[in-house]
Amino acid sequence: MLVKHDRLDEALKALDQAKRIEPGSEWLWRYLAQLHKARKQPILEAEALEELVELERASAADLNRLGIIHHDNKNYSKALEFYRASAVMEDWTAPHFNMGLVCNDPEVSQDADAADAYRRALLIDATYQKANAELETTKAKLIPLAVQARSQAEGLVRKEDRYQHYLNPFDVLQLEPEDDYDSVDPKASNVRRRNCYKSLN
């Protein structure tokens, strides 16, 4: 109630007392995140949201918000980590669109990945105008590069060796981004690869 009435200093005192009594409460950290957002303190907001992650009580929206805070702080790898976690938890447009924005950032410059992220958002909601606009802008940058690359490859790559579709090896081998690749069984991966090859042929 104190937050709703913009009595933020009093709200902080009340929540600090709640933290001393019951530090493992989900709602304590949720209200603290709300308070720090109202006080425009994103670092403290992120700390409260990360407590929810530790308690395994973070929602897809919480994870997406963590991604936004890290994105604003130019910590792009952490932003992508939380956007991906949000997208895995719930099939919604926001984290995919936000992943596209990170990949489009000049410091990251992964425009092809950005285009994929916007396409995934549009698969969920074909009417998502912002994603469509960003996709068109990204394609406008990528298409000339593709034309240039194709012209340079003439004579180097035979027509029969060209492929219309790209298969992501992580999808083909059924690997997840959070997998420990040092512990992946190479024999199992080879079986998956052979099975995929048979299904394609």
N, C-alpha and C. Protein backbone atom coordinates (compact mmCIF):
# COMPACT_ATOMS: atom_id res chain seq x y z
N MET A 1 0.83 -1.20 0.00
CA MET A 1 0.00 0.00 0.00
C MET A 1 0.87 1.26 0.00
N LEU A 2 1.97 1.22 0.72
CA LEU A 2 2.86 2.37 0.75
C LEU A 2 3.46 2.65 -0.62
N VAL A 3 3.78 1.60 -1.37
CA VAL A 3 4.30 1.79 -2.73
C VAL A 3 3.23 2.42 -3.59
N LYS A 4 1.99 1.92 -3.49
CA LYS A 4 0.90 2.46 -4.30
C LYS A 4 0.67 3.93 -4.01
N HIS A 5 0.91 4.34 -2.76
CA HIS A 5 0.71 5.75 -2.38
C HIS A 5 1.99 6.56 -2.51
N ASP A 6 3.00 5.97 -3.18
CA ASP A 6 4.26 6.66 -3.46
C ASP A 6 5.00 7.09 -2.19
N ARG A 7 4.79 6.35 -1.11
CA ARG A 7 5.53 6.60 0.13
C ARG A 7 6.66 5.56 0.19
N LEU A 8 7.63 5.78 -0.68
CA LEU A 8 8.62 4.74 -0.99
C LEU A 8 9.61 4.51 0.14
N ASP A 9 10.01 5.57 0.83
CA ASP A 9 10.96 5.39 1.94
C ASP A 9 10.33 4.56 3.06
N GLU A 10 9.06 4.82 3.35
CA GLU A 10 8.36 4.05 4.38
C GLU A 10 8.17 2.60 3.93
N ALA A 11 7.90 2.44 2.64
CA ALA A 11 7.74 1.08 2.10
C ALA A 11 9.02 0.28 2.26
N LEU A 12 10.16 0.94 2.01
CA LEU A 12 11.45 0.25 2.14
C LEU A 12 11.69 -0.20 3.58
N LYS A 13 11.34 0.65 4.54
CA LYS A 13 11.50 0.27 5.96
C LYS A 13 10.64 -0.94 6.29
N ALA A 14 9.40 -0.94 5.80
CA ALA A 14 8.49 -2.06 6.08
C ALA A 14 9.03 -3.35 5.47
N LEU A 15 9.54 -3.27 4.24
CA LEU A 15 10.05 -4.46 3.57
C LEU A 15 11.36 -4.93 4.18
N ASP A 16 12.18 -3.99 4.66
CA ASP A 16 13.40 -4.40 5.35
C ASP A 16 13.06 -5.19 6.63
N GLN A 17 12.02 -4.76 7.32
CA GLN A 17 11.58 -5.49 8.51
C GLN A 17 11.06 -6.87 8.12
N ALA A 18 10.30 -6.94 7.02
CA ALA A 18 9.80 -8.23 6.53
C ALA A 18 10.95 -9.16 6.16
N LYS A 19 12.01 -8.58 5.59
CA LYS A 19 13.17 -9.38 5.20
C LYS A 19 13.84 -10.00 6.43
N ARG A 20 13.89 -9.25 7.54
CA ARG A 20 14.49 -9.79 8.76
C ARG A 20 13.65 -10.95 9.32
N ILE A 21 12.33 -10.85 9.15
CA ILE A 21 11.43 -11.87 9.70
C ILE A 21 11.36 -13.11 8.81
N GLU A 22 11.25 -12.89 7.50
CA GLU A 22 11.04 -14.03 6.59
C GLU A 22 11.77 -13.78 5.27
N PRO A 23 13.09 -13.96 5.26
CA PRO A 23 13.88 -13.63 4.06
C PRO A 23 13.63 -14.55 2.86
N GLY A 24 12.99 -15.69 3.10
CA GLY A 24 12.76 -16.63 2.00
C GLY A 24 11.39 -16.50 1.36
N SER A 25 10.68 -15.42 1.65
CA SER A 25 9.34 -15.24 1.11
C SER A 25 9.38 -14.75 -0.35
N GLU A 26 8.63 -15.43 -1.19
CA GLU A 26 8.56 -15.00 -2.60
C GLU A 26 8.03 -13.58 -2.71
N TRP A 27 6.97 -13.28 -2.00
CA TRP A 27 6.32 -11.97 -2.16
C TRP A 27 7.19 -10.85 -1.64
N LEU A 28 8.04 -11.12 -0.64
CA LEU A 28 8.97 -10.10 -0.16
C LEU A 28 9.83 -9.60 -1.31
N TRP A 29 10.45 -10.51 -2.05
CA TRP A 29 11.36 -10.11 -3.13
C TRP A 29 10.60 -9.53 -4.32
N ARG A 30 9.37 -10.01 -4.51
CA ARG A 30 8.56 -9.45 -5.59
C ARG A 30 8.21 -7.99 -5.29
N TYR A 31 7.83 -7.72 -4.02
CA TYR A 31 7.51 -6.35 -3.65
C TYR A 31 8.76 -5.47 -3.64
N LEU A 32 9.90 -6.04 -3.23
CA LEU A 32 11.14 -5.27 -3.26
C LEU A 32 11.52 -4.89 -4.70
N ALA A 33 11.32 -5.85 -5.63
CA ALA A 33 11.59 -5.54 -7.04
C ALA A 33 10.69 -4.41 -7.52
N GLN A 34 9.41 -4.48 -7.14
CA GLN A 34 8.46 -3.43 -7.51
C GLN A 34 8.88 -2.08 -6.91
N LEU A 35 9.31 -2.10 -5.65
CA LEU A 35 9.74 -0.87 -4.98
C LEU A 35 10.96 -0.27 -5.66
N HIS A 36 11.97 -1.09 -5.93
CA HIS A 36 13.20 -0.58 -6.54
C HIS A 36 12.95 -0.07 -7.95
N LYS A 37 11.99 -0.70 -8.66
CA LYS A 37 11.63 -0.19 -9.98
C LYS A 37 11.01 1.19 -9.85
N ALA A 38 10.13 1.36 -8.86
CA ALA A 38 9.50 2.67 -8.63
C ALA A 38 10.53 3.72 -8.24
N ARG A 39 11.58 3.29 -7.51
CA ARG A 39 12.64 4.22 -7.09
C ARG A 39 13.71 4.41 -8.17
N LYS A 40 13.50 3.77 -9.33
CA LYS A 40 14.44 3.86 -10.46
C LYS A 40 15.84 3.43 -10.03
N GLN A 41 15.89 2.24 -9.39
CA GLN A 41 17.15 1.64 -8.96
C GLN A 41 17.27 0.26 -9.59
N PRO A 42 17.62 0.20 -10.89
CA PRO A 42 17.59 -1.09 -11.60
C PRO A 42 18.54 -2.15 -11.05
N ILE A 43 19.67 -1.73 -10.49
CA ILE A 43 20.60 -2.73 -9.95
C ILE A 43 19.97 -3.45 -8.76
N LEU A 44 19.33 -2.68 -7.87
CA LEU A 44 18.66 -3.29 -6.72
C LEU A 44 17.44 -4.10 -7.17
N GLU A 45 16.75 -3.61 -8.20
CA GLU A 45 15.63 -4.37 -8.74
C GLU A 45 16.10 -5.72 -9.27
N ALA A 46 17.23 -5.70 -9.97
CA ALA A 46 17.78 -6.96 -10.51
C ALA A 46 18.16 -7.90 -9.38
N GLU A 47 18.74 -7.37 -8.31
CA GLU A 47 19.11 -8.23 -7.17
C GLU A 47 17.88 -8.90 -6.56
N ALA A 48 16.78 -8.15 -6.46
CA ALA A 48 15.55 -8.73 -5.92
C ALA A 48 15.00 -9.81 -6.85
N LEU A 49 15.03 -9.54 -8.14
CA LEU A 49 14.53 -10.53 -9.10
C LEU A 49 15.41 -11.78 -9.11
N GLU A 50 16.72 -11.59 -8.94
CA GLU A 50 17.62 -12.74 -8.91
C GLU A 50 17.41 -13.59 -7.66
N GLU A 51 16.93 -12.96 -6.58
CA GLU A 51 16.54 -13.74 -5.40
C GLU A 51 15.36 -14.65 -5.74
N LEU A 52 14.43 -14.15 -6.56
CA LEU A 52 13.31 -14.98 -7.01
C LEU A 52 13.80 -16.15 -7.85
N VAL A 53 14.83 -15.90 -8.67
CA VAL A 53 15.42 -16.97 -9.47
C VAL A 53 16.01 -18.03 -8.55
N GLU A 54 16.74 -17.58 -7.51
CA GLU A 54 17.34 -18.51 -6.56
C GLU A 54 16.28 -19.34 -5.83
N LEU A 55 15.15 -18.70 -5.55
CA LEU A 55 14.06 -19.39 -4.87
C LEU A 55 13.23 -20.25 -5.82
N GLU A 56 13.58 -20.22 -7.12
CA GLU A 56 12.84 -20.93 -8.17
C GLU A 56 11.39 -20.47 -8.22
N ARG A 57 11.20 -19.15 -8.03
CA ARG A 57 9.86 -18.56 -8.06
C ARG A 57 9.76 -17.47 -9.14
N ALA A 58 10.78 -17.32 -9.95
CA ALA A 58 10.75 -16.28 -10.98
C ALA A 58 9.82 -16.70 -12.11
N SER A 59 9.01 -15.77 -12.58
CA SER A 59 8.11 -16.02 -13.71
C SER A 59 8.83 -15.66 -15.01
N ALA A 60 8.20 -16.00 -16.13
CA ALA A 60 8.76 -15.63 -17.43
C ALA A 60 8.90 -14.11 -17.53
N ALA A 61 7.92 -13.38 -16.99
CA ALA A 61 8.00 -11.91 -17.01
C ALA A 61 9.16 -11.40 -16.16
N ASP A 62 9.41 -12.05 -15.00
CA ASP A 62 10.55 -11.67 -14.15
C ASP A 62 11.86 -11.86 -14.91
N LEU A 63 11.99 -13.00 -15.60
CA LEU A 63 13.22 -13.30 -16.33
C LEU A 63 13.41 -12.32 -17.48
N ASN A 64 12.32 -11.98 -18.16
CA ASN A 64 12.39 -11.01 -19.24
C ASN A 64 12.81 -9.64 -18.71
N ARG A 65 12.27 -9.26 -17.55
CA ARG A 65 12.63 -7.98 -16.93
C ARG A 65 14.12 -7.97 -16.55
N LEU A 66 14.62 -9.08 -16.04
CA LEU A 66 16.06 -9.18 -15.74
C LEU A 66 16.88 -8.98 -17.02
N GLY A 67 16.41 -9.59 -18.12
CA GLY A 67 17.10 -9.40 -19.39
C GLY A 67 17.13 -7.94 -19.80
N ILE A 68 16.02 -7.24 -19.61
CA ILE A 68 15.95 -5.81 -19.97
C ILE A 68 16.95 -5.00 -19.15
N ILE A 69 17.01 -5.27 -17.84
CA ILE A 69 17.93 -4.52 -16.98
C ILE A 69 19.37 -4.74 -17.42
N HIS A 70 19.75 -5.99 -17.70
CA HIS A 70 21.12 -6.27 -18.15
C HIS A 70 21.37 -5.68 -19.54
N HIS A 71 20.36 -5.70 -20.39
CA HIS A 71 20.48 -5.10 -21.72
C HIS A 71 20.76 -3.60 -21.59
N ASP A 72 19.97 -2.92 -20.74
CA ASP A 72 20.16 -1.48 -20.53
C ASP A 72 21.54 -1.18 -19.95
N ASN A 73 22.08 -2.15 -19.21
CA ASN A 73 23.41 -1.99 -18.60
C ASN A 73 24.53 -2.47 -19.53
N LYS A 74 24.15 -2.80 -20.78
CA LYS A 74 25.08 -3.27 -21.81
C LYS A 74 25.78 -4.58 -21.45
N ASN A 75 25.16 -5.36 -20.59
CA ASN A 75 25.66 -6.71 -20.30
C ASN A 75 24.86 -7.67 -21.19
N TYR A 76 25.28 -7.75 -22.46
CA TYR A 76 24.48 -8.43 -23.47
C TYR A 76 24.40 -9.94 -23.26
N SER A 77 25.48 -10.55 -22.79
CA SER A 77 25.44 -12.00 -22.61
C SER A 77 24.45 -12.38 -21.51
N LYS A 78 24.42 -11.61 -20.41
CA LYS A 78 23.45 -11.89 -19.34
C LYS A 78 22.03 -11.61 -19.82
N ALA A 79 21.87 -10.55 -20.62
CA ALA A 79 20.55 -10.23 -21.15
C ALA A 79 20.02 -11.40 -21.98
N LEU A 80 20.86 -11.92 -22.87
CA LEU A 80 20.44 -13.05 -23.70
C LEU A 80 20.13 -14.28 -22.85
N GLU A 81 20.92 -14.50 -21.81
CA GLU A 81 20.69 -15.66 -20.92
C GLU A 81 19.29 -15.60 -20.32
N PHE A 82 18.89 -14.43 -19.83
CA PHE A 82 17.58 -14.33 -19.19
C PHE A 82 16.45 -14.28 -20.21
N TYR A 83 16.68 -13.67 -21.37
CA TYR A 83 15.65 -13.69 -22.41
C TYR A 83 15.37 -15.14 -22.86
N ARG A 84 16.45 -15.92 -23.04
CA ARG A 84 16.27 -17.32 -23.45
C ARG A 84 15.51 -18.11 -22.38
N ALA A 85 15.89 -17.88 -21.13
CA ALA A 85 15.20 -18.60 -20.03
C ALA A 85 13.72 -18.23 -20.00
N SER A 86 13.41 -16.97 -20.26
CA SER A 86 12.02 -16.53 -20.29
C SER A 86 11.26 -17.19 -21.43
N ALA A 87 11.90 -17.27 -22.60
CA ALA A 87 11.27 -17.88 -23.77
C ALA A 87 11.03 -19.38 -23.56
N VAL A 88 11.95 -20.04 -22.85
CA VAL A 88 11.79 -21.46 -22.58
C VAL A 88 10.63 -21.68 -21.60
N MET A 89 10.50 -20.80 -20.62
CA MET A 89 9.47 -20.95 -19.61
C MET A 89 8.07 -20.72 -20.18
N GLU A 90 7.96 -19.75 -21.11
CA GLU A 90 6.64 -19.40 -21.65
C GLU A 90 6.79 -19.02 -23.13
N ASP A 91 5.86 -19.50 -23.94
CA ASP A 91 5.90 -19.24 -25.37
C ASP A 91 5.23 -17.90 -25.66
N TRP A 92 6.02 -16.81 -25.55
CA TRP A 92 5.46 -15.48 -25.77
C TRP A 92 6.45 -14.63 -26.54
N THR A 93 5.97 -13.50 -27.06
CA THR A 93 6.76 -12.73 -28.03
C THR A 93 7.88 -11.91 -27.41
N ALA A 94 7.68 -11.38 -26.21
CA ALA A 94 8.59 -10.38 -25.65
C ALA A 94 10.06 -10.82 -25.63
N PRO A 95 10.39 -12.00 -25.08
CA PRO A 95 11.82 -12.35 -25.02
C PRO A 95 12.44 -12.54 -26.39
N HIS A 96 11.68 -13.06 -27.36
CA HIS A 96 12.23 -13.23 -28.71
C HIS A 96 12.52 -11.87 -29.35
N PHE A 97 11.56 -10.95 -29.21
CA PHE A 97 11.76 -9.60 -29.74
C PHE A 97 12.97 -8.95 -29.08
N ASN A 98 13.09 -9.09 -27.77
CA ASN A 98 14.21 -8.48 -27.05
C ASN A 98 15.54 -9.12 -27.42
N MET A 99 15.55 -10.44 -27.69
CA MET A 99 16.77 -11.08 -28.18
C MET A 99 17.18 -10.47 -29.52
N GLY A 100 16.19 -10.19 -30.36
CA GLY A 100 16.48 -9.53 -31.63
C GLY A 100 17.14 -8.18 -31.43
N LEU A 101 16.64 -7.40 -30.48
CA LEU A 101 17.23 -6.08 -30.21
C LEU A 101 18.68 -6.21 -29.75
N VAL A 102 18.96 -7.20 -28.90
CA VAL A 102 20.35 -7.41 -28.46
C VAL A 102 21.23 -7.76 -29.64
N CYS A 103 20.79 -8.70 -30.46
CA CYS A 103 21.61 -9.15 -31.60
C CYS A 103 21.80 -8.05 -32.64
N ASN A 104 20.85 -7.12 -32.72
CA ASN A 104 20.96 -6.00 -33.65
C ASN A 104 21.87 -4.89 -33.15
N ASP A 105 22.17 -4.92 -31.84
CA ASP A 105 23.00 -3.85 -31.29
C ASP A 105 24.37 -3.84 -31.98
N PRO A 106 24.88 -2.65 -32.35
CA PRO A 106 26.17 -2.59 -33.05
C PRO A 106 27.31 -3.29 -32.31
N GLU A 107 27.25 -3.31 -30.97
CA GLU A 107 28.31 -3.97 -30.21
C GLU A 107 28.23 -5.50 -30.32
N VAL A 108 27.05 -6.02 -30.65
CA VAL A 108 26.87 -7.46 -30.81
C VAL A 108 26.93 -7.83 -32.28
N SER A 109 26.18 -7.11 -33.10
CA SER A 109 26.22 -7.22 -34.57
C SER A 109 26.04 -8.66 -35.05
N GLN A 110 24.94 -9.28 -34.64
CA GLN A 110 24.58 -10.62 -35.11
C GLN A 110 23.21 -10.52 -35.78
N ASP A 111 23.20 -9.86 -36.94
CA ASP A 111 21.93 -9.52 -37.58
C ASP A 111 21.16 -10.75 -38.05
N ALA A 112 21.85 -11.79 -38.48
CA ALA A 112 21.15 -13.01 -38.90
C ALA A 112 20.42 -13.64 -37.71
N ASP A 113 21.06 -13.64 -36.55
CA ASP A 113 20.40 -14.16 -35.34
C ASP A 113 19.23 -13.26 -34.95
N ALA A 114 19.39 -11.95 -35.14
CA ALA A 114 18.30 -11.02 -34.85
C ALA A 114 17.09 -11.33 -35.72
N ALA A 115 17.34 -11.56 -37.02
CA ALA A 115 16.24 -11.89 -37.93
C ALA A 115 15.52 -13.15 -37.48
N ASP A 116 16.28 -14.17 -37.05
CA ASP A 116 15.67 -15.41 -36.54
C ASP A 116 14.79 -15.13 -35.32
N ALA A 117 15.28 -14.26 -34.42
CA ALA A 117 14.52 -13.95 -33.20
C ALA A 117 13.20 -13.25 -33.55
N TYR A 118 13.25 -12.30 -34.49
CA TYR A 118 12.02 -11.60 -34.89
C TYR A 118 11.05 -12.57 -35.56
N ARG A 119 11.58 -13.50 -36.36
CA ARG A 119 10.71 -14.49 -37.01
C ARG A 119 10.02 -15.38 -35.97
N ARG A 120 10.76 -15.75 -34.92
CA ARG A 120 10.16 -16.57 -33.87
C ARG A 120 9.03 -15.81 -33.17
N ALA A 121 9.24 -14.52 -32.94
CA ALA A 121 8.19 -13.71 -32.33
C ALA A 121 6.96 -13.66 -33.24
N LEU A 122 7.18 -13.55 -34.55
CA LEU A 122 6.07 -13.48 -35.50
C LEU A 122 5.37 -14.82 -35.66
N LEU A 123 6.08 -15.93 -35.43
CA LEU A 123 5.42 -17.23 -35.44
C LEU A 123 4.42 -17.34 -34.30
N ILE A 124 4.72 -16.68 -33.19
CA ILE A 124 3.82 -16.69 -32.04
C ILE A 124 2.65 -15.72 -32.27
N ASP A 125 2.97 -14.55 -32.83
CA ASP A 125 1.93 -13.53 -33.09
C ASP A 125 2.24 -12.86 -34.42
N ALA A 126 1.55 -13.29 -35.46
CA ALA A 126 1.80 -12.78 -36.81
C ALA A 126 1.43 -11.31 -36.95
N THR A 127 0.67 -10.76 -36.00
CA THR A 127 0.25 -9.36 -36.08
C THR A 127 1.18 -8.43 -35.31
N TYR A 128 2.28 -8.95 -34.81
CA TYR A 128 3.20 -8.16 -33.98
C TYR A 128 3.95 -7.17 -34.88
N GLN A 129 3.46 -5.95 -34.95
CA GLN A 129 3.97 -4.97 -35.90
C GLN A 129 5.42 -4.56 -35.62
N LYS A 130 5.78 -4.40 -34.35
CA LYS A 130 7.14 -3.98 -34.03
C LYS A 130 8.16 -5.03 -34.48
N ALA A 131 7.82 -6.31 -34.27
CA ALA A 131 8.73 -7.38 -34.71
C ALA A 131 8.83 -7.40 -36.23
N ASN A 132 7.70 -7.20 -36.90
CA ASN A 132 7.71 -7.20 -38.36
C ASN A 132 8.55 -6.04 -38.90
N ALA A 133 8.41 -4.86 -38.28
CA ALA A 133 9.19 -3.69 -38.72
C ALA A 133 10.68 -3.92 -38.51
N GLU A 134 11.06 -4.49 -37.35
CA GLU A 134 12.48 -4.75 -37.08
C GLU A 134 13.02 -5.81 -38.03
N LEU A 135 12.19 -6.81 -38.33
CA LEU A 135 12.63 -7.86 -39.26
C LEU A 135 12.89 -7.27 -40.64
N GLU A 136 12.01 -6.41 -41.11
CA GLU A 136 12.19 -5.80 -42.44
C GLU A 136 13.45 -4.93 -42.47
N THR A 137 13.69 -4.18 -41.39
CA THR A 137 14.90 -3.35 -41.31
C THR A 137 16.15 -4.22 -41.32
N THR A 138 16.10 -5.33 -40.59
CA THR A 138 17.25 -6.24 -40.52
C THR A 138 17.48 -6.91 -41.87
N LYS A 139 16.40 -7.34 -42.52
CA LYS A 139 16.53 -7.96 -43.85
C LYS A 139 17.12 -6.98 -44.86
N ALA A 140 16.77 -5.70 -44.74
CA ALA A 140 17.31 -4.70 -45.65
C ALA A 140 18.83 -4.60 -45.54
N LYS A 141 19.36 -4.91 -44.34
CA LYS A 141 20.82 -4.94 -44.16
C LYS A 141 21.43 -6.25 -44.65
N LEU A 142 20.70 -7.35 -44.45
CA LEU A 142 21.25 -8.67 -44.74
C LEU A 142 21.20 -9.04 -46.22
N ILE A 143 20.14 -8.65 -46.92
CA ILE A 143 19.97 -9.07 -48.32
C ILE A 143 21.12 -8.60 -49.21
N PRO A 144 21.55 -7.32 -49.15
CA PRO A 144 22.70 -6.92 -49.97
C PRO A 144 23.96 -7.72 -49.65
N LEU A 145 24.15 -8.07 -48.36
CA LEU A 145 25.32 -8.88 -47.99
C LEU A 145 25.22 -10.27 -48.59
N ALA A 146 24.00 -10.83 -48.60
CA ALA A 146 23.80 -12.16 -49.17
C ALA A 146 24.05 -12.14 -50.68
N VAL A 147 23.57 -11.09 -51.34
CA VAL A 147 23.79 -10.97 -52.79
C VAL A 147 25.28 -10.85 -53.09
N GLN A 148 25.97 -10.05 -52.29
CA GLN A 148 27.41 -9.87 -52.48
C GLN A 148 28.16 -11.18 -52.25
N ALA A 149 27.78 -11.90 -51.18
CA ALA A 149 28.44 -13.17 -50.89
C ALA A 149 28.19 -14.19 -51.99
N ARG A 150 26.96 -14.20 -52.51
CA ARG A 150 26.63 -15.15 -53.57
C ARG A 150 27.44 -14.85 -54.85
N SER A 151 27.58 -13.56 -55.16
CA SER A 151 28.33 -13.21 -56.36
C SER A 151 29.81 -13.57 -56.21
N GLN A 152 30.34 -13.43 -55.00
CA GLN A 152 31.74 -13.78 -54.76
C GLN A 152 31.94 -15.30 -54.78
N ALA A 153 30.86 -16.03 -54.45
CA ALA A 153 30.97 -17.49 -54.41
C ALA A 153 30.77 -18.14 -55.78
N GLU A 154 30.35 -17.36 -56.77
CA GLU A 154 30.14 -17.93 -58.10
C GLU A 154 31.44 -18.58 -58.57
N GLY A 155 31.36 -19.79 -59.01
CA GLY A 155 32.55 -20.50 -59.47
C GLY A 155 33.25 -21.27 -58.35
N LEU A 156 33.02 -20.85 -57.11
CA LEU A 156 33.64 -21.54 -55.98
C LEU A 156 32.75 -22.66 -55.45
N VAL A 157 31.44 -22.41 -55.49
CA VAL A 157 30.48 -23.39 -55.00
C VAL A 157 29.58 -23.82 -56.15
N ARG A 158 29.53 -25.12 -56.42
CA ARG A 158 28.68 -25.63 -57.49
C ARG A 158 27.21 -25.51 -57.10
N LYS A 159 26.35 -25.36 -58.09
CA LYS A 159 24.93 -25.21 -57.82
C LYS A 159 24.36 -26.39 -57.04
N GLU A 160 24.83 -27.60 -57.38
CA GLU A 160 24.30 -28.78 -56.69
C GLU A 160 24.77 -28.85 -55.23
N ASP A 161 25.77 -28.03 -54.86
CA ASP A 161 26.24 -28.03 -53.49
C ASP A 161 25.57 -26.94 -52.65
N ARG A 162 24.68 -26.16 -53.26
CA ARG A 162 24.00 -25.10 -52.53
C ARG A 162 22.74 -25.65 -51.86
N TYR A 163 22.41 -25.06 -50.73
CA TYR A 163 21.25 -25.51 -49.98
C TYR A 163 20.29 -24.34 -49.77
N GLN A 164 19.02 -24.63 -49.90
CA GLN A 164 18.02 -23.59 -49.70
C GLN A 164 17.77 -23.37 -48.21
N HIS A 165 17.85 -24.43 -47.40
CA HIS A 165 17.53 -24.33 -45.98
C HIS A 165 18.76 -24.66 -45.14
N TYR A 166 18.87 -23.94 -44.04
CA TYR A 166 19.95 -24.17 -43.08
C TYR A 166 19.39 -24.93 -41.89
N LEU A 167 20.05 -26.01 -41.51
CA LEU A 167 19.65 -26.77 -40.33
C LEU A 167 20.61 -26.45 -39.19
N ASN A 168 20.05 -25.93 -38.13
CA ASN A 168 20.85 -25.60 -36.96
C ASN A 168 21.39 -26.89 -36.34
N PRO A 169 22.71 -27.05 -36.21
CA PRO A 169 23.26 -28.30 -35.67
C PRO A 169 22.81 -28.57 -34.23
N PHE A 170 22.53 -27.51 -33.46
CA PHE A 170 22.05 -27.73 -32.09
C PHE A 170 20.67 -28.39 -32.11
N ASP A 171 19.83 -27.98 -33.08
CA ASP A 171 18.51 -28.60 -33.21
C ASP A 171 18.63 -30.03 -33.73
N VAL A 172 19.49 -30.22 -34.73
CA VAL A 172 19.65 -31.54 -35.34
C VAL A 172 20.14 -32.55 -34.31
N LEU A 173 21.10 -32.14 -33.50
CA LEU A 173 21.70 -33.05 -32.51
C LEU A 173 20.97 -33.01 -31.17
N GLN A 174 19.87 -32.25 -31.13
CA GLN A 174 19.03 -32.16 -29.93
C GLN A 174 19.84 -31.72 -28.71
N LEU A 175 20.66 -30.68 -28.92
CA LEU A 175 21.44 -30.11 -27.83
C LEU A 175 20.75 -28.85 -27.34
N GLU A 176 20.79 -28.64 -26.04
CA GLU A 176 20.20 -27.45 -25.45
C GLU A 176 21.29 -26.46 -25.09
N PRO A 177 20.98 -25.13 -25.12
CA PRO A 177 22.00 -24.12 -24.81
C PRO A 177 22.65 -24.31 -23.45
N GLU A 178 21.87 -24.87 -22.48
CA GLU A 178 22.42 -25.01 -21.13
C GLU A 178 23.18 -26.32 -20.93
N ASP A 179 23.26 -27.17 -21.99
CA ASP A 179 23.96 -28.43 -21.86
C ASP A 179 25.44 -28.22 -21.57
N ASP A 180 26.03 -29.14 -20.81
CA ASP A 180 27.47 -29.16 -20.60
C ASP A 180 28.08 -29.97 -21.74
N TYR A 181 28.64 -29.26 -22.74
CA TYR A 181 29.07 -29.93 -23.96
C TYR A 181 30.28 -30.84 -23.74
N ASP A 182 31.01 -30.60 -22.64
CA ASP A 182 32.13 -31.50 -22.34
C ASP A 182 31.64 -32.89 -21.95
N SER A 183 30.37 -32.96 -21.49
CA SER A 183 29.86 -34.25 -21.04
C SER A 183 28.92 -34.90 -22.06
N VAL A 184 28.75 -34.26 -23.23
CA VAL A 184 27.88 -34.84 -24.26
C VAL A 184 28.52 -36.09 -24.83
N ASP A 185 27.76 -37.15 -24.91
CA ASP A 185 28.26 -38.43 -25.43
C ASP A 185 28.40 -38.35 -26.94
N PRO A 186 29.63 -38.38 -27.49
CA PRO A 186 29.80 -38.26 -28.95
C PRO A 186 29.14 -39.40 -29.72
N LYS A 187 29.08 -40.61 -29.12
CA LYS A 187 28.42 -41.72 -29.82
C LYS A 187 26.94 -41.44 -29.99
N ALA A 188 26.32 -40.91 -28.93
CA ALA A 188 24.88 -40.59 -29.01
C ALA A 188 24.65 -39.50 -30.04
N SER A 189 25.57 -38.52 -30.11
CA SER A 189 25.43 -37.45 -31.08
C SER A 189 25.54 -37.98 -32.51
N ASN A 190 26.44 -38.93 -32.71
CA ASN A 190 26.61 -39.53 -34.04
C ASN A 190 25.35 -40.30 -34.45
N VAL A 191 24.73 -41.01 -33.50
CA VAL A 191 23.48 -41.73 -33.81
C VAL A 191 22.41 -40.74 -34.22
N ARG A 192 22.28 -39.64 -33.49
CA ARG A 192 21.28 -38.63 -33.84
C ARG A 192 21.56 -38.06 -35.22
N ARG A 193 22.85 -37.80 -35.51
CA ARG A 193 23.21 -37.23 -36.81
C ARG A 193 22.84 -38.19 -37.93
N ARG A 194 23.14 -39.50 -37.75
CA ARG A 194 22.82 -40.48 -38.79
C ARG A 194 21.31 -40.60 -38.98
N ASN A 195 20.56 -40.58 -37.87
CA ASN A 195 19.11 -40.68 -37.97
C ASN A 195 18.52 -39.47 -38.71
N CYS A 196 19.09 -38.30 -38.43
CA CYS A 196 18.64 -37.08 -39.10
C CYS A 196 18.94 -37.18 -40.60
N TYR A 197 20.14 -37.68 -40.94
CA TYR A 197 20.53 -37.80 -42.34
C TYR A 197 19.58 -38.75 -43.09
N LYS A 198 19.24 -39.88 -42.42
CA LYS A 198 18.32 -40.83 -43.04
C LYS A 198 16.96 -40.20 -43.27
N SER A 199 16.48 -39.41 -42.30
CA SER A 199 15.14 -38.83 -42.44
C SER A 199 15.12 -37.78 -43.54
N LEU A 200 16.25 -37.11 -43.77
CA LEU A 200 16.32 -36.09 -44.82
C LEU A 200 16.39 -36.74 -46.21
N ASN A 201 16.88 -37.95 -46.25
CA ASN A 201 17.02 -38.62 -47.54
C ASN A 201 15.90 -39.62 -47.77
